[in-house]
Amino acid sequence: RVSRACDQCRNAREKCDANQPNCSPCLEARRICTYTSNPKKRGLQPGYIRTL
């Protein structure tokens, strides 16, 4: 399991193998493979329980 897919595979909802510098789906589709988006933090937001 890959911890993070590249931006193009995430947008196309494809299976990414996260090979550097280009993953296999991006090589086959001749896309530029980038990992620029910041990953979203998981879990509860700080102060959420306090508001309950």
C-alpha atoms as a PDB file:
ATOM      1  CA  ARG A   1       0.000   0.000   0.000  1.00  0.00           C
ATOM      2  CA  VAL A   2       1.301   3.417  -0.966  1.00  0.00           C
ATOM      3  CA  SER A   3       1.179   6.084   1.704  1.00  0.00           C
ATOM      4  CA  ARG A   4       0.564   8.861  -0.789  1.00  0.00           C
ATOM      5  CA  ALA A   5      -0.420   8.924  -4.457  1.00  0.00           C
ATOM      6  CA  CYS A   6       0.885  11.549  -6.865  1.00  0.00           C
ATOM      7  CA  ASP A   7      -1.316  14.528  -7.719  1.00  0.00           C
ATOM      8  CA  GLN A   8      -2.346  13.224 -11.149  1.00  0.00           C
ATOM      9  CA  CYS A   9      -3.263   9.731  -9.899  1.00  0.00           C
ATOM     10  CA  ARG A  10      -5.226  11.250  -7.030  1.00  0.00           C
ATOM     11  CA  ASN A  11      -7.204  13.481  -9.415  1.00  0.00           C
ATOM     12  CA  ALA A  12      -7.827  10.609 -11.855  1.00  0.00           C
ATOM     13  CA  ARG A  13      -8.492   8.198  -8.942  1.00  0.00           C
ATOM     14  CA  GLU A  14      -5.975   5.691 -10.315  1.00  0.00           C
ATOM     15  CA  LYS A  15      -3.757   3.204  -8.518  1.00  0.00           C
ATOM     16  CA  CYS A  16      -0.366   4.869  -7.959  1.00  0.00           C
ATOM     17  CA  ASP A  17       2.801   2.881  -7.254  1.00  0.00           C
ATOM     18  CA  ALA A  18       4.659   6.044  -6.074  1.00  0.00           C
ATOM     19  CA  ASN A  19       7.855   5.300  -7.998  1.00  0.00           C
ATOM     20  CA  GLN A  20      10.197   8.274  -8.182  1.00  0.00           C
ATOM     21  CA  PRO A  21      10.581  10.407 -10.270  1.00  0.00           C
ATOM     22  CA  ASN A  22       7.599   9.105 -12.314  1.00  0.00           C
ATOM     23  CA  CYS A  23       5.049   6.483 -11.319  1.00  0.00           C
ATOM     24  CA  SER A  24       3.911   3.814 -13.801  1.00  0.00           C
ATOM     25  CA  PRO A  25       0.425   5.268 -14.562  1.00  0.00           C
ATOM     26  CA  CYS A  26       1.974   8.680 -15.325  1.00  0.00           C
ATOM     27  CA  LEU A  27       4.624   7.107 -17.569  1.00  0.00           C
ATOM     28  CA  GLU A  28       1.980   5.197 -19.539  1.00  0.00           C
ATOM     29  CA  ALA A  29      -0.247   8.266 -19.909  1.00  0.00           C
ATOM     30  CA  ARG A  30       2.786  10.555 -20.512  1.00  0.00           C
ATOM     31  CA  ARG A  31       1.813  12.889 -17.687  1.00  0.00           C
ATOM     32  CA  ILE A  32       4.070  14.948 -15.452  1.00  0.00           C
ATOM     33  CA  CYS A  33       4.232  13.185 -12.089  1.00  0.00           C
ATOM     34  CA  THR A  34       4.195  15.632  -9.145  1.00  0.00           C
ATOM     35  CA  TYR A  35       3.796  15.357  -5.393  1.00  0.00           C
ATOM     36  CA  THR A  36       3.066  18.991  -4.512  1.00  0.00           C
ATOM     37  CA  SER A  37      -0.261  18.860  -2.675  1.00  0.00           C
ATOM     38  CA  ASN A  38      -0.059  18.894   1.100  1.00  0.00           C
ATOM     39  CA  PRO A  39      -1.555  15.797   2.718  1.00  0.00           C
ATOM     40  CA  LYS A  40      -4.619  16.437   4.848  1.00  0.00           C
ATOM     41  CA  LYS A  41      -4.175  15.856   8.550  1.00  0.00           C
ATOM     42  CA  ARG A  42      -6.199  13.020  10.020  1.00  0.00           C
ATOM     43  CA  GLY A  43      -8.091  12.923  13.269  1.00  0.00           C
ATOM     44  CA  LEU A  44      -9.901  15.499  15.332  1.00  0.00           C
ATOM     45  CA  GLN A  45      -9.103  19.179  15.108  1.00  0.00           C
ATOM     46  CA  PRO A  46      -7.448  20.735  18.162  1.00  0.00           C
ATOM     47  CA  GLY A  47     -10.066  22.179  20.494  1.00  0.00           C
ATOM     48  CA  TYR A  48     -12.910  20.096  19.037  1.00  0.00           C
ATOM     49  CA  ILE A  49     -13.516  18.096  22.210  1.00  0.00           C
ATOM     50  CA  ARG A  50     -13.345  21.254  24.290  1.00  0.00           C
ATOM     51  CA  THR A  51     -16.289  22.720  22.338  1.00  0.00           C
ATOM     52  CA  LEU A  52     -18.412  19.678  23.149  1.00  0.00           C
END
